[in-house]
């Protein structure tokens, strides 16, 4: 990932995109490398948010490929339970995507949103808000936006 720092904003976009897929990759090293290298903070936030959101959209569509048979077979969850949860996800599930930035559960949330076919645009907006917020908060915590 460190090699992507040399690619600047394109490297950050790639790292952020991949970090939001089911691949176990983080974009923080590239993000921090660019900031410490003097790149514009707000442009880095925008590029990382766009890349991370597009990666999340890819994960959402992977979730849409899922089948109930897989859940029953591999996760041992009864179809009836999945169907009850599906109604809850359909009603409000798209806003769960605001937590898509959370390590460990974010990808699962996005896959579930895709599987349960939550509203695509609502899910995308919620994902974007969450991912943008994450990078902004991270910048404040690091003190980079206080200069």
Foldseek 3Di string as FASTA:
>chain_A
DLVLLVVPLVSLLVQLLCVLAPDVGHSVNSLVSNLVVPHDLVSSLVSSLVSNLNSLLVLLQVLLVDDPVCCCVPVVDDPVVLVVVLVVCQVPLLLVQLCLVPPPCNSVSSSSCSNSVHPSVSNSVSNSNNSSVVSVVVCVVVPSVVD
